[in-house]
């Protein structure tokens, strides 16, 4: 799979280079999601996955709306976690 890079600007204005792990659509929530992680994360830190919604019609200039576990409906959060876990399980099966 070809590496897909995403540049994210944090709350301090720093640009962070991230790799896209996966994207998916959830019609039941009318949303498209992107799951990504910082490429240059400190080796001592656990890999942090971040999730955001996006509008695919915006193309490369689109805006990401980060998912906040504190404000997302629990059922939507569970669906997101299930999709990520299913994807990661499929990667393990390929190895």
PDB file of N, CA and C in Angstrom:
ATOM      1  N   UNK A   1       0.842  -1.177   0.000  1.00  0.00           N
ATOM      2  CA  UNK A   1       0.000   0.000   0.000  1.00  0.00           C
ATOM      3  C   UNK A   1       0.888   1.242   0.000  1.00  0.00           C
ATOM      4  N   UNK A   2       0.519   2.190  -0.829  1.00  0.00           N
ATOM      5  CA  UNK A   2       1.286   3.423  -0.931  1.00  0.00           C
ATOM      6  C   UNK A   2       1.024   4.308   0.283  1.00  0.00           C
ATOM      7  N   UNK A   3       2.090   4.895   0.801  1.00  0.00           N
ATOM      8  CA  UNK A   3       1.987   5.779   1.966  1.00  0.00           C
ATOM      9  C   UNK A   3       1.245   7.054   1.573  1.00  0.00           C
ATOM     10  N   UNK A   4       0.275   7.456   2.398  1.00  0.00           N
ATOM     11  CA  UNK A   4      -0.461   8.688   2.166  1.00  0.00           C
ATOM     12  C   UNK A   4      -0.165   9.637   3.314  1.00  0.00           C
ATOM     13  N   UNK A   5       0.322  10.823   2.955  1.00  0.00           N
ATOM     14  CA  UNK A   5       0.745  11.799   3.949  1.00  0.00           C
ATOM     15  C   UNK A   5      -0.305  12.902   4.085  1.00  0.00           C
ATOM     16  N   UNK A   6      -0.468  13.358   5.312  1.00  0.00           N
ATOM     17  CA  UNK A   6      -1.410  14.408   5.652  1.00  0.00           C
ATOM     18  C   UNK A   6      -0.674  15.395   6.547  1.00  0.00           C
ATOM     19  N   UNK A   7      -0.781  16.681   6.263  1.00  0.00           N
ATOM     20  CA  UNK A   7      -0.169  17.697   7.117  1.00  0.00           C
ATOM     21  C   UNK A   7      -1.274  18.294   7.985  1.00  0.00           C
ATOM     22  N   UNK A   8      -1.104  18.188   9.284  1.00  0.00           N
ATOM     23  CA  UNK A   8      -2.094  18.669  10.241  1.00  0.00           C
ATOM     24  C   UNK A   8      -1.471  19.810  11.032  1.00  0.00           C
ATOM     25  N   UNK A   9      -2.233  20.862  11.259  1.00  0.00           N
ATOM     26  CA  UNK A   9      -1.761  21.982  12.069  1.00  0.00           C
ATOM     27  C   UNK A   9      -2.362  21.845  13.465  1.00  0.00           C
ATOM     28  N   UNK A  10      -1.486  21.811  14.483  1.00  0.00           N
ATOM     29  CA  UNK A  10      -1.982  21.667  15.851  1.00  0.00           C
ATOM     30  C   UNK A  10      -2.460  23.002  16.402  1.00  0.00           C
ATOM     31  N   UNK A  11      -2.928  22.990  17.655  1.00  0.00           N
ATOM     32  CA  UNK A  11      -3.488  24.194  18.287  1.00  0.00           C
ATOM     33  C   UNK A  11      -2.462  25.312  18.473  1.00  0.00           C
ATOM     34  N   UNK A  12      -1.174  24.979  18.407  1.00  0.00           N
ATOM     35  CA  UNK A  12      -0.111  25.981  18.540  1.00  0.00           C
ATOM     36  C   UNK A  12       0.378  26.501  17.186  1.00  0.00           C
ATOM     37  N   UNK A  13      -0.225  25.988  16.107  1.00  0.00           N
ATOM     38  CA  UNK A  13       0.172  26.421  14.772  1.00  0.00           C
ATOM     39  C   UNK A  13       1.303  25.616  14.164  1.00  0.00           C
ATOM     40  N   UNK A  14       1.757  24.568  14.839  1.00  0.00           N
ATOM     41  CA  UNK A  14       2.828  23.709  14.323  1.00  0.00           C
ATOM     42  C   UNK A  14       2.259  22.735  13.297  1.00  0.00           C
ATOM     43  N   UNK A  15       2.980  22.553  12.208  1.00  0.00           N
ATOM     44  CA  UNK A  15       2.572  21.576  11.212  1.00  0.00           C
ATOM     45  C   UNK A  15       3.153  20.214  11.579  1.00  0.00           C
ATOM     46  N   UNK A  16       2.290  19.207  11.564  1.00  0.00           N
ATOM     47  CA  UNK A  16       2.688  17.850  11.930  1.00  0.00           C
ATOM     48  C   UNK A  16       2.431  16.951  10.735  1.00  0.00           C
ATOM     49  N   UNK A  17       3.475  16.240  10.311  1.00  0.00           N
ATOM     50  CA  UNK A  17       3.336  15.307   9.201  1.00  0.00           C
ATOM     51  C   UNK A  17       2.770  13.993   9.740  1.00  0.00           C
ATOM     52  N   UNK A  18       1.671  13.559   9.141  1.00  0.00           N
ATOM     53  CA  UNK A  18       0.996  12.345   9.588  1.00  0.00           C
ATOM     54  C   UNK A  18       0.814  11.383   8.422  1.00  0.00           C
ATOM     55  N   UNK A  19       0.719  10.116   8.756  1.00  0.00           N
ATOM     56  CA  UNK A  19       0.413   9.112   7.753  1.00  0.00           C
ATOM     57  C   UNK A  19      -1.035   8.679   7.932  1.00  0.00           C
ATOM     58  N   UNK A  20      -1.747   8.584   6.816  1.00  0.00           N
ATOM     59  CA  UNK A  20      -3.131   8.118   6.861  1.00  0.00           C
ATOM     60  C   UNK A  20      -3.122   6.604   6.971  1.00  0.00           C
ATOM     61  N   UNK A  21      -3.770   6.097   7.994  1.00  0.00           N
ATOM     62  CA  UNK A  21      -3.894   4.662   8.179  1.00  0.00           C
ATOM     63  C   UNK A  21      -5.054   4.123   7.348  1.00  0.00           C
ATOM     64  N   UNK A  22      -6.185   4.816   7.400  1.00  0.00           N
ATOM     65  CA  UNK A  22      -7.367   4.353   6.678  1.00  0.00           C
ATOM     66  C   UNK A  22      -8.394   5.470   6.583  1.00  0.00           C
ATOM     67  N   UNK A  23      -9.303   5.319   5.647  1.00  0.00           N
ATOM     68  CA  UNK A  23     -10.470   6.186   5.552  1.00  0.00           C
ATOM     69  C   UNK A  23     -11.683   5.277   5.405  1.00  0.00           C
ATOM     70  N   UNK A  24     -12.830   5.753   5.843  1.00  0.00           N
ATOM     71  CA  UNK A  24     -14.060   4.990   5.666  1.00  0.00           C
ATOM     72  C   UNK A  24     -15.265   5.910   5.775  1.00  0.00           C
ATOM     73  N   UNK A  25     -16.386   5.414   5.259  1.00  0.00           N
ATOM     74  CA  UNK A  25     -17.644   6.145   5.313  1.00  0.00           C
ATOM     75  C   UNK A  25     -18.606   5.385   6.218  1.00  0.00           C
ATOM     76  N   UNK A  26     -19.378   6.114   6.985  1.00  0.00           N
ATOM     77  CA  UNK A  26     -20.437   5.523   7.793  1.00  0.00           C
ATOM     78  C   UNK A  26     -21.737   6.205   7.398  1.00  0.00           C
ATOM     79  N   UNK A  27     -22.487   5.540   6.524  1.00  0.00           N
ATOM     80  CA  UNK A  27     -23.727   6.127   6.021  1.00  0.00           C
ATOM     81  C   UNK A  27     -24.731   6.393   7.135  1.00  0.00           C
ATOM     82  N   UNK A  28     -24.698   5.550   8.165  1.00  0.00           N
ATOM     83  CA  UNK A  28     -25.653   5.729   9.266  1.00  0.00           C
ATOM     84  C   UNK A  28     -25.435   7.045  10.018  1.00  0.00           C
ATOM     85  N   UNK A  29     -24.227   7.605   9.922  1.00  0.00           N
ATOM     86  CA  UNK A  29     -23.931   8.889  10.564  1.00  0.00           C
ATOM     87  C   UNK A  29     -23.720  10.000   9.532  1.00  0.00           C
ATOM     88  N   UNK A  30     -23.793   9.650   8.252  1.00  0.00           N
ATOM     89  CA  UNK A  30     -23.616  10.634   7.195  1.00  0.00           C
ATOM     90  C   UNK A  30     -22.244  11.278   7.200  1.00  0.00           C
ATOM     91  N   UNK A  31     -21.223  10.488   7.575  1.00  0.00           N
ATOM     92  CA  UNK A  31     -19.877  11.045   7.718  1.00  0.00           C
ATOM     93  C   UNK A  31     -18.837  10.173   7.032  1.00  0.00           C
ATOM     94  N   UNK A  32     -17.748  10.835   6.655  1.00  0.00           N
ATOM     95  CA  UNK A  32     -16.533  10.179   6.176  1.00  0.00           C
ATOM     96  C   UNK A  32     -15.473  10.414   7.246  1.00  0.00           C
ATOM     97  N   UNK A  33     -14.674   9.400   7.516  1.00  0.00           N
ATOM     98  CA  UNK A  33     -13.666   9.468   8.569  1.00  0.00           C
ATOM     99  C   UNK A  33     -12.285   9.182   8.005  1.00  0.00           C
ATOM    100  N   UNK A  34     -11.287   9.798   8.617  1.00  0.00           N
ATOM    101  CA  UNK A  34      -9.899   9.500   8.306  1.00  0.00           C
ATOM    102  C   UNK A  34      -9.202   9.177   9.625  1.00  0.00           C
ATOM    103  N   UNK A  35      -8.418   8.105   9.615  1.00  0.00           N
ATOM    104  CA  UNK A  35      -7.652   7.692  10.796  1.00  0.00           C
ATOM    105  C   UNK A  35      -6.184   7.891  10.437  1.00  0.00           C
ATOM    106  N   UNK A  36      -5.461   8.615  11.269  1.00  0.00           N
ATOM    107  CA  UNK A  36      -4.077   8.963  10.960  1.00  0.00           C
ATOM    108  C   UNK A  36      -3.241   9.027  12.233  1.00  0.00           C
ATOM    109  N   UNK A  37      -1.910   9.099  12.039  1.00  0.00           N
ATOM    110  CA  UNK A  37      -0.999   9.167  13.188  1.00  0.00           C
ATOM    111  C   UNK A  37       0.243   9.964  12.804  1.00  0.00           C
ATOM    112  N   UNK A  38       0.870  10.625  13.781  1.00  0.00           N
ATOM    113  CA  UNK A  38       2.090  11.403  13.505  1.00  0.00           C
ATOM    114  C   UNK A  38       3.224  10.486  13.068  1.00  0.00           C
ATOM    115  N   UNK A  39       3.916  10.865  12.012  1.00  0.00           N
ATOM    116  CA  UNK A  39       5.026  10.059  11.505  1.00  0.00           C
ATOM    117  C   UNK A  39       6.231  10.150  12.432  1.00  0.00           C
ATOM    118  N   UNK A  40       6.514  11.343  12.934  1.00  0.00           N
ATOM    119  CA  UNK A  40       7.715  11.553  13.736  1.00  0.00           C
ATOM    120  C   UNK A  40       7.452  11.486  15.236  1.00  0.00           C
ATOM    121  N   UNK A  41       6.526  10.634  15.649  1.00  0.00           N
ATOM    122  CA  UNK A  41       6.250  10.506  17.083  1.00  0.00           C
ATOM    123  C   UNK A  41       7.494   9.978  17.788  1.00  0.00           C
ATOM    124  N   UNK A  42       7.682  10.405  19.012  1.00  0.00           N
ATOM    125  CA  UNK A  42       8.807   9.955  19.830  1.00  0.00           C
ATOM    126  C   UNK A  42       8.726   8.432  19.970  1.00  0.00           C
ATOM    127  N   UNK A  43       9.851   7.764  19.763  1.00  0.00           N
ATOM    128  CA  UNK A  43       9.875   6.300  19.817  1.00  0.00           C
ATOM    129  C   UNK A  43       9.440   5.753  21.170  1.00  0.00           C
ATOM    130  N   UNK A  44       9.592   6.534  22.240  1.00  0.00           N
ATOM    131  CA  UNK A  44       9.204   6.077  23.571  1.00  0.00           C
ATOM    132  C   UNK A  44       7.701   6.177  23.804  1.00  0.00           C
ATOM    133  N   UNK A  45       7.023   6.953  22.962  1.00  0.00           N
ATOM    134  CA  UNK A  45       5.592   7.133  23.120  1.00  0.00           C
ATOM    135  C   UNK A  45       4.833   6.032  22.398  1.00  0.00           C
ATOM    136  N   UNK A  46       3.634   5.739  22.911  1.00  0.00           N
ATOM    137  CA  UNK A  46       2.761   4.820  22.215  1.00  0.00           C
ATOM    138  C   UNK A  46       2.273   5.502  20.955  1.00  0.00           C
ATOM    139  N   UNK A  47       2.047   4.715  19.906  1.00  0.00           N
ATOM    140  CA  UNK A  47       1.509   5.292  18.679  1.00  0.00           C
ATOM    141  C   UNK A  47       0.089   5.764  18.949  1.00  0.00           C
ATOM    142  N   UNK A  48      -0.170   7.004  18.635  1.00  0.00           N
ATOM    143  CA  UNK A  48      -1.473   7.601  18.877  1.00  0.00           C
ATOM    144  C   UNK A  48      -2.221   7.685  17.560  1.00  0.00           C
ATOM    145  N   UNK A  49      -3.399   7.093  17.530  1.00  0.00           N
ATOM    146  CA  UNK A  49      -4.238   7.210  16.353  1.00  0.00           C
ATOM    147  C   UNK A  49      -5.199   8.364  16.564  1.00  0.00           C
ATOM    148  N   UNK A  50      -5.347   9.180  15.541  1.00  0.00           N
ATOM    149  CA  UNK A  50      -6.282  10.296  15.599  1.00  0.00           C
ATOM    150  C   UNK A  50      -7.356  10.057  14.545  1.00  0.00           C
ATOM    151  N   UNK A  51      -8.557  10.517  14.842  1.00  0.00           N
ATOM    152  CA  UNK A  51      -9.678  10.328  13.932  1.00  0.00           C
ATOM    153  C   UNK A  51     -10.343  11.679  13.702  1.00  0.00           C
ATOM    154  N   UNK A  52     -10.700  11.927  12.447  1.00  0.00           N
ATOM    155  CA  UNK A  52     -11.405  13.159  12.109  1.00  0.00           C
ATOM    156  C   UNK A  52     -12.439  12.851  11.036  1.00  0.00           C
ATOM    157  N   UNK A  53     -13.434  13.711  10.938  1.00  0.00           N
ATOM    158  CA  UNK A  53     -14.364  13.629   9.823  1.00  0.00           C
ATOM    159  C   UNK A  53     -13.880  14.595   8.749  1.00  0.00           C
ATOM    160  N   UNK A  54     -14.294  14.329   7.525  1.00  0.00           N
ATOM    161  CA  UNK A  54     -13.914  15.196   6.412  1.00  0.00           C
ATOM    162  C   UNK A  54     -14.986  15.110   5.329  1.00  0.00           C
ATOM    163  N   UNK A  55     -14.963  16.075   4.419  1.00  0.00           N
ATOM    164  CA  UNK A  55     -15.859  16.074   3.273  1.00  0.00           C
ATOM    165  C   UNK A  55     -15.025  15.676   2.059  1.00  0.00           C
ATOM    166  N   UNK A  56     -15.283  14.511   1.469  1.00  0.00           N
ATOM    167  CA  UNK A  56     -14.453  14.046   0.348  1.00  0.00           C
ATOM    168  C   UNK A  56     -14.545  14.950  -0.877  1.00  0.00           C
ATOM    169  N   UNK A  57     -15.587  15.742  -0.973  1.00  0.00           N
ATOM    170  CA  UNK A  57     -15.725  16.643  -2.120  1.00  0.00           C
ATOM    171  C   UNK A  57     -14.763  17.825  -2.045  1.00  0.00           C
ATOM    172  N   UNK A  58     -14.167  18.067  -0.857  1.00  0.00           N
ATOM    173  CA  UNK A  58     -13.223  19.169  -0.694  1.00  0.00           C
ATOM    174  C   UNK A  58     -11.856  18.863  -1.298  1.00  0.00           C
ATOM    175  N   UNK A  59     -11.593  17.590  -1.605  1.00  0.00           N
ATOM    176  CA  UNK A  59     -10.307  17.213  -2.187  1.00  0.00           C
ATOM    177  C   UNK A  59      -9.150  17.471  -1.229  1.00  0.00           C
ATOM    178  N   UNK A  60      -7.997  17.829  -1.789  1.00  0.00           N
ATOM    179  CA  UNK A  60      -6.772  18.006  -1.012  1.00  0.00           C
ATOM    180  C   UNK A  60      -6.812  19.235  -0.103  1.00  0.00           C
ATOM    181  N   UNK A  61      -7.715  20.154  -0.360  1.00  0.00           N
ATOM    182  CA  UNK A  61      -7.780  21.381   0.439  1.00  0.00           C
ATOM    183  C   UNK A  61      -8.853  21.297   1.520  1.00  0.00           C
ATOM    184  N   UNK A  62      -9.300  20.108   1.823  1.00  0.00           N
ATOM    185  CA  UNK A  62     -10.391  19.931   2.766  1.00  0.00           C
ATOM    186  C   UNK A  62     -10.023  20.249   4.204  1.00  0.00           C
ATOM    187  N   UNK A  63     -11.049  20.345   5.004  1.00  0.00           N
ATOM    188  CA  UNK A  63     -10.910  20.644   6.426  1.00  0.00           C
ATOM    189  C   UNK A  63     -11.231  19.391   7.227  1.00  0.00           C
ATOM    190  N   UNK A  64     -10.422  19.116   8.239  1.00  0.00           N
ATOM    191  CA  UNK A  64     -10.674  17.992   9.134  1.00  0.00           C
ATOM    192  C   UNK A  64     -11.353  18.489  10.398  1.00  0.00           C
ATOM    193  N   UNK A  65     -12.335  17.735  10.858  1.00  0.00           N
ATOM    194  CA  UNK A  65     -12.985  18.012  12.140  1.00  0.00           C
ATOM    195  C   UNK A  65     -12.643  16.858  13.075  1.00  0.00           C
ATOM    196  N   UNK A  66     -11.690  17.078  13.997  1.00  0.00           N
ATOM    197  CA  UNK A  66     -11.274  16.000  14.892  1.00  0.00           C
ATOM    198  C   UNK A  66     -12.448  15.439  15.706  1.00  0.00           C
ATOM    199  N   UNK A  67     -12.401  14.143  15.929  1.00  0.00           N
ATOM    200  CA  UNK A  67     -13.394  13.463  16.758  1.00  0.00           C
ATOM    201  C   UNK A  67     -12.958  13.601  18.208  1.00  0.00           C
ATOM    202  N   UNK A  68     -13.836  14.129  19.023  1.00  0.00           N
ATOM    203  CA  UNK A  68     -13.575  14.270  20.454  1.00  0.00           C
ATOM    204  C   UNK A  68     -14.388  13.209  21.191  1.00  0.00           C
ATOM    205  N   UNK A  69     -13.714  12.207  21.781  1.00  0.00           N
ATOM    206  CA  UNK A  69     -14.437  11.130  22.469  1.00  0.00           C
ATOM    207  C   UNK A  69     -15.381  11.626  23.564  1.00  0.00           C
ATOM    208  N   UNK A  70     -15.133  12.824  24.076  1.00  0.00           N
ATOM    209  CA  UNK A  70     -15.981  13.367  25.134  1.00  0.00           C
ATOM    210  C   UNK A  70     -17.314  13.888  24.599  1.00  0.00           C
ATOM    211  N   UNK A  71     -17.373  14.223  23.307  1.00  0.00           N
ATOM    212  CA  UNK A  71     -18.589  14.834  22.770  1.00  0.00           C
ATOM    213  C   UNK A  71     -19.308  13.978  21.730  1.00  0.00           C
ATOM    214  N   UNK A  72     -18.681  12.917  21.250  1.00  0.00           N
ATOM    215  CA  UNK A  72     -19.294  12.054  20.241  1.00  0.00           C
ATOM    216  C   UNK A  72     -20.240  11.070  20.927  1.00  0.00           C
ATOM    217  N   UNK A  73     -21.350  10.794  20.272  1.00  0.00           N
ATOM    218  CA  UNK A  73     -22.313   9.822  20.798  1.00  0.00           C
ATOM    219  C   UNK A  73     -21.602   8.479  20.996  1.00  0.00           C
ATOM    220  N   UNK A  74     -21.847   7.806  22.109  1.00  0.00           N
ATOM    221  CA  UNK A  74     -21.156   6.534  22.385  1.00  0.00           C
ATOM    222  C   UNK A  74     -21.308   5.490  21.278  1.00  0.00           C
ATOM    223  N   UNK A  75     -22.452   5.436  20.629  1.00  0.00           N
ATOM    224  CA  UNK A  75     -22.641   4.451  19.558  1.00  0.00           C
ATOM    225  C   UNK A  75     -21.749   4.763  18.361  1.00  0.00           C
ATOM    226  N   UNK A  76     -21.593   6.046  18.045  1.00  0.00           N
ATOM    227  CA  UNK A  76     -20.708   6.431  16.939  1.00  0.00           C
ATOM    228  C   UNK A  76     -19.262   6.122  17.298  1.00  0.00           C
ATOM    229  N   UNK A  77     -18.879   6.418  18.520  1.00  0.00           N
ATOM    230  CA  UNK A  77     -17.520   6.136  18.973  1.00  0.00           C
ATOM    231  C   UNK A  77     -17.233   4.636  18.921  1.00  0.00           C
ATOM    232  N   UNK A  78     -18.193   3.830  19.324  1.00  0.00           N
ATOM    233  CA  UNK A  78     -18.027   2.373  19.282  1.00  0.00           C
ATOM    234  C   UNK A  78     -17.880   1.888  17.839  1.00  0.00           C
ATOM    235  N   UNK A  79     -18.670   2.466  16.915  1.00  0.00           N
ATOM    236  CA  UNK A  79     -18.581   2.098  15.507  1.00  0.00           C
ATOM    237  C   UNK A  79     -17.187   2.428  14.969  1.00  0.00           C
ATOM    238  N   UNK A  80     -16.666   3.602  15.317  1.00  0.00           N
ATOM    239  CA  UNK A  80     -15.331   4.012  14.867  1.00  0.00           C
ATOM    240  C   UNK A  80     -14.281   3.040  15.393  1.00  0.00           C
ATOM    241  N   UNK A  81     -14.352   2.729  16.675  1.00  0.00           N
ATOM    242  CA  UNK A  81     -13.389   1.796  17.271  1.00  0.00           C
ATOM    243  C   UNK A  81     -13.470   0.420  16.618  1.00  0.00           C
ATOM    244  N   UNK A  82     -14.697  -0.044  16.344  1.00  0.00           N
ATOM    245  CA  UNK A  82     -14.869  -1.346  15.690  1.00  0.00           C
ATOM    246  C   UNK A  82     -14.251  -1.353  14.299  1.00  0.00           C
ATOM    247  N   UNK A  83     -14.450  -0.277  13.533  1.00  0.00           N
ATOM    248  CA  UNK A  83     -13.884  -0.203  12.181  1.00  0.00           C
ATOM    249  C   UNK A  83     -12.359  -0.218  12.240  1.00  0.00           C
ATOM    250  N   UNK A  84     -11.791   0.533  13.173  1.00  0.00           N
ATOM    251  CA  UNK A  84     -10.327   0.568  13.305  1.00  0.00           C
ATOM    252  C   UNK A  84      -9.803  -0.808  13.698  1.00  0.00           C
ATOM    253  N   UNK A  85     -10.444  -1.439  14.695  1.00  0.00           N
ATOM    254  CA  UNK A  85     -10.006  -2.763  15.137  1.00  0.00           C
ATOM    255  C   UNK A  85     -10.119  -3.799  14.028  1.00  0.00           C
ATOM    256  N   UNK A  86     -11.214  -3.749  13.252  1.00  0.00           N
ATOM    257  CA  UNK A  86     -11.369  -4.683  12.129  1.00  0.00           C
ATOM    258  C   UNK A  86     -10.247  -4.492  11.110  1.00  0.00           C
ATOM    259  N   UNK A  87      -9.916  -3.241  10.825  1.00  0.00           N
ATOM    260  CA  UNK A  87      -8.851  -2.953   9.873  1.00  0.00           C
ATOM    261  C   UNK A  87      -7.501  -3.467  10.390  1.00  0.00           C
ATOM    262  N   UNK A  88      -7.208  -3.183  11.653  1.00  0.00           N
ATOM    263  CA  UNK A  88      -5.937  -3.634  12.232  1.00  0.00           C
ATOM    264  C   UNK A  88      -5.875  -5.153  12.276  1.00  0.00           C
ATOM    265  N   UNK A  89      -6.998  -5.821  12.573  1.00  0.00           N
ATOM    266  CA  UNK A  89      -7.036  -7.283  12.566  1.00  0.00           C
ATOM    267  C   UNK A  89      -6.759  -7.823  11.162  1.00  0.00           C
ATOM    268  N   UNK A  90      -7.299  -7.158  10.142  1.00  0.00           N
ATOM    269  CA  UNK A  90      -7.059  -7.620   8.775  1.00  0.00           C
ATOM    270  C   UNK A  90      -5.589  -7.473   8.387  1.00  0.00           C
ATOM    271  N   UNK A  91      -4.924  -6.448   8.920  1.00  0.00           N
ATOM    272  CA  UNK A  91      -3.486  -6.286   8.661  1.00  0.00           C
ATOM    273  C   UNK A  91      -2.700  -7.406   9.319  1.00  0.00           C
ATOM    274  N   UNK A  92      -3.099  -7.800  10.541  1.00  0.00           N
ATOM    275  CA  UNK A  92      -2.415  -8.880  11.247  1.00  0.00           C
ATOM    276  C   UNK A  92      -2.575 -10.200  10.494  1.00  0.00           C
ATOM    277  N   UNK A  93      -3.759 -10.410   9.905  1.00  0.00           N
ATOM    278  CA  UNK A  93      -4.007 -11.645   9.173  1.00  0.00           C
ATOM    279  C   UNK A  93      -3.178 -11.737   7.898  1.00  0.00           C
ATOM    280  N   UNK A  94      -2.848 -10.572   7.306  1.00  0.00           N
ATOM    281  CA  UNK A  94      -2.054 -10.561   6.091  1.00  0.00           C
ATOM    282  C   UNK A  94      -0.590 -10.923   6.349  1.00  0.00           C
ATOM    283  N   UNK A  95      -0.124 -10.719   7.574  1.00  0.00           N
ATOM    284  CA  UNK A  95       1.298 -10.981   7.889  1.00  0.00           C
ATOM    285  C   UNK A  95       1.586 -12.434   8.058  1.00  0.00           C
TER     286      UNK A  95
END
